[in-house]
Amino acid sequence: MFNSYDDLVPLEDLMEILDIGRNKAYELLQSGEIKSFKIGKAYRIPKLCIQDYVLTKVQMKIGQQE
């Protein structure tokens, strides 16, 4: 899934990867749930940070079921 994306992705790719809207993407970045940095006005998100976010969410859901 993540192989087709560069190591640093723009906001639009984050939206596509997680199948979320622009507002939710900004919320995740501004809250720090997904680590990112800005170049000028544009966010750049390391692909590893997106993977960490997904794995954390999966573990939370697994832990809640036990």
N, C-alpha and C. Protein backbone atom coordinates (compact mmCIF):
# COMPACT_ATOMS: atom_id res chain seq x y z
N MET A 1 0.82 -1.21 0.00
CA MET A 1 0.00 0.00 0.00
C MET A 1 0.85 1.26 0.00
N PHE A 2 1.87 1.28 0.87
CA PHE A 2 2.68 2.49 1.00
C PHE A 2 3.82 2.54 -0.02
N ASN A 3 4.08 1.46 -0.71
CA ASN A 3 5.23 1.39 -1.61
C ASN A 3 5.15 2.36 -2.77
N SER A 4 3.98 2.72 -3.19
CA SER A 4 3.85 3.60 -4.36
C SER A 4 4.03 5.08 -4.02
N TYR A 5 4.28 5.39 -2.74
CA TYR A 5 4.44 6.78 -2.31
C TYR A 5 5.90 7.07 -1.98
N ASP A 6 6.30 8.34 -2.16
CA ASP A 6 7.64 8.78 -1.79
C ASP A 6 7.81 8.73 -0.28
N ASP A 7 9.04 8.87 0.18
CA ASP A 7 9.32 8.85 1.62
C ASP A 7 8.72 10.06 2.33
N LEU A 8 8.60 11.17 1.64
CA LEU A 8 7.91 12.36 2.15
C LEU A 8 6.70 12.61 1.28
N VAL A 9 5.54 12.71 1.90
CA VAL A 9 4.32 12.89 1.11
C VAL A 9 3.66 14.23 1.43
N PRO A 10 3.00 14.81 0.45
CA PRO A 10 2.24 16.04 0.69
C PRO A 10 0.88 15.72 1.31
N LEU A 11 0.17 16.73 1.68
CA LEU A 11 -1.14 16.59 2.32
C LEU A 11 -2.10 15.76 1.47
N GLU A 12 -2.10 15.98 0.18
CA GLU A 12 -3.03 15.28 -0.71
C GLU A 12 -2.80 13.77 -0.67
N ASP A 13 -1.53 13.35 -0.60
CA ASP A 13 -1.24 11.91 -0.51
C ASP A 13 -1.67 11.34 0.83
N LEU A 14 -1.49 12.11 1.91
CA LEU A 14 -1.96 11.68 3.22
C LEU A 14 -3.46 11.43 3.18
N MET A 15 -4.19 12.35 2.55
CA MET A 15 -5.64 12.21 2.43
C MET A 15 -5.99 10.94 1.67
N GLU A 16 -5.26 10.67 0.61
CA GLU A 16 -5.52 9.48 -0.21
C GLU A 16 -5.18 8.20 0.55
N ILE A 17 -4.03 8.19 1.23
CA ILE A 17 -3.58 6.99 1.95
C ILE A 17 -4.59 6.60 3.02
N LEU A 18 -5.05 7.60 3.80
CA LEU A 18 -5.95 7.31 4.91
C LEU A 18 -7.43 7.43 4.54
N ASP A 19 -7.70 7.83 3.30
CA ASP A 19 -9.07 8.02 2.83
C ASP A 19 -9.84 8.96 3.76
N ILE A 20 -9.24 10.14 3.98
CA ILE A 20 -9.84 11.16 4.85
C ILE A 20 -9.93 12.47 4.09
N GLY A 21 -10.71 13.38 4.61
CA GLY A 21 -10.86 14.69 4.00
C GLY A 21 -9.77 15.65 4.45
N ARG A 22 -9.76 16.81 3.82
CA ARG A 22 -8.76 17.83 4.10
C ARG A 22 -8.82 18.29 5.56
N ASN A 23 -10.01 18.54 6.09
CA ASN A 23 -10.13 19.02 7.46
C ASN A 23 -9.57 18.01 8.46
N LYS A 24 -9.88 16.74 8.27
CA LYS A 24 -9.37 15.70 9.17
C LYS A 24 -7.86 15.59 9.05
N ALA A 25 -7.33 15.71 7.85
CA ALA A 25 -5.88 15.65 7.65
C ALA A 25 -5.19 16.79 8.40
N TYR A 26 -5.72 18.01 8.26
CA TYR A 26 -5.14 19.14 8.98
C TYR A 26 -5.25 18.93 10.49
N GLU A 27 -6.35 18.39 10.95
CA GLU A 27 -6.55 18.14 12.38
C GLU A 27 -5.48 17.17 12.91
N LEU A 28 -5.22 16.09 12.17
CA LEU A 28 -4.22 15.11 12.59
C LEU A 28 -2.81 15.70 12.61
N LEU A 29 -2.51 16.56 11.64
CA LEU A 29 -1.19 17.17 11.59
C LEU A 29 -1.01 18.24 12.66
N GLN A 30 -2.01 19.09 12.83
CA GLN A 30 -1.90 20.18 13.79
C GLN A 30 -1.93 19.69 15.23
N SER A 31 -2.59 18.56 15.49
CA SER A 31 -2.63 18.01 16.84
C SER A 31 -1.35 17.23 17.17
N GLY A 32 -0.58 16.89 16.15
CA GLY A 32 0.64 16.11 16.37
C GLY A 32 0.41 14.61 16.36
N GLU A 33 -0.82 14.18 16.11
CA GLU A 33 -1.07 12.74 16.03
C GLU A 33 -0.25 12.11 14.92
N ILE A 34 -0.09 12.83 13.83
CA ILE A 34 0.82 12.43 12.77
C ILE A 34 1.90 13.50 12.70
N LYS A 35 3.15 13.09 12.88
CA LYS A 35 4.27 14.02 12.86
C LYS A 35 4.50 14.52 11.44
N SER A 36 4.83 15.80 11.34
CA SER A 36 5.07 16.40 10.03
C SER A 36 5.94 17.64 10.22
N PHE A 37 6.29 18.25 9.11
CA PHE A 37 6.97 19.54 9.15
C PHE A 37 6.51 20.34 7.95
N LYS A 38 6.79 21.62 7.99
CA LYS A 38 6.34 22.49 6.90
C LYS A 38 7.55 23.03 6.14
N ILE A 39 7.38 23.09 4.84
CA ILE A 39 8.32 23.79 3.97
C ILE A 39 7.51 24.92 3.36
N GLY A 40 7.80 26.14 3.79
CA GLY A 40 6.95 27.26 3.40
C GLY A 40 5.60 27.07 4.05
N LYS A 41 4.56 27.03 3.24
CA LYS A 41 3.21 26.82 3.75
C LYS A 41 2.73 25.38 3.59
N ALA A 42 3.56 24.55 2.96
CA ALA A 42 3.13 23.19 2.63
C ALA A 42 3.64 22.17 3.65
N TYR A 43 2.75 21.31 4.11
CA TYR A 43 3.13 20.22 5.00
C TYR A 43 3.85 19.14 4.21
N ARG A 44 4.84 18.54 4.85
CA ARG A 44 5.48 17.34 4.33
C ARG A 44 5.43 16.32 5.45
N ILE A 45 4.96 15.13 5.12
CA ILE A 45 4.74 14.10 6.12
C ILE A 45 5.61 12.89 5.78
N PRO A 46 6.51 12.52 6.70
CA PRO A 46 7.29 11.30 6.46
C PRO A 46 6.36 10.08 6.42
N LYS A 47 6.57 9.25 5.43
CA LYS A 47 5.73 8.06 5.26
C LYS A 47 5.78 7.18 6.51
N LEU A 48 6.93 7.12 7.17
CA LEU A 48 7.06 6.32 8.39
C LEU A 48 6.13 6.82 9.49
N CYS A 49 5.89 8.13 9.54
CA CYS A 49 4.99 8.68 10.56
C CYS A 49 3.55 8.27 10.30
N ILE A 50 3.19 8.15 9.05
CA ILE A 50 1.84 7.68 8.71
C ILE A 50 1.70 6.21 9.11
N GLN A 51 2.73 5.42 8.83
CA GLN A 51 2.71 4.01 9.20
C GLN A 51 2.62 3.86 10.71
N ASP A 52 3.38 4.66 11.46
CA ASP A 52 3.32 4.61 12.92
C ASP A 52 1.92 4.95 13.43
N TYR A 53 1.30 5.95 12.83
CA TYR A 53 -0.06 6.35 13.22
C TYR A 53 -1.03 5.19 13.02
N VAL A 54 -0.96 4.55 11.87
CA VAL A 54 -1.87 3.44 11.57
C VAL A 54 -1.63 2.29 12.54
N LEU A 55 -0.38 1.94 12.78
CA LEU A 55 -0.09 0.84 13.70
C LEU A 55 -0.54 1.16 15.11
N THR A 56 -0.39 2.39 15.55
CA THR A 56 -0.85 2.79 16.87
C THR A 56 -2.36 2.66 16.98
N LYS A 57 -3.09 3.09 15.95
CA LYS A 57 -4.54 2.98 15.96
C LYS A 57 -4.99 1.52 15.99
N VAL A 58 -4.31 0.67 15.26
CA VAL A 58 -4.67 -0.75 15.22
C VAL A 58 -4.44 -1.37 16.60
N GLN A 59 -3.33 -1.04 17.24
CA GLN A 59 -3.04 -1.60 18.57
C GLN A 59 -4.04 -1.11 19.59
N MET A 60 -4.48 0.15 19.48
CA MET A 60 -5.48 0.66 20.40
C MET A 60 -6.78 -0.12 20.26
N LYS A 61 -7.19 -0.39 19.03
CA LYS A 61 -8.44 -1.12 18.81
C LYS A 61 -8.32 -2.56 19.29
N ILE A 62 -7.16 -3.17 19.07
CA ILE A 62 -6.96 -4.55 19.54
C ILE A 62 -6.99 -4.57 21.06
N GLY A 63 -6.34 -3.62 21.69
CA GLY A 63 -6.30 -3.55 23.14
C GLY A 63 -7.67 -3.29 23.75
N GLN A 64 -8.54 -2.57 23.08
CA GLN A 64 -9.87 -2.29 23.58
C GLN A 64 -10.77 -3.51 23.53
N GLN A 65 -10.47 -4.45 22.65
CA GLN A 65 -11.31 -5.64 22.51
C GLN A 65 -11.02 -6.67 23.58
N GLU A 66 -9.85 -6.60 24.20
CA GLU A 66 -9.48 -7.62 25.20
C GLU A 66 -10.15 -7.41 26.51
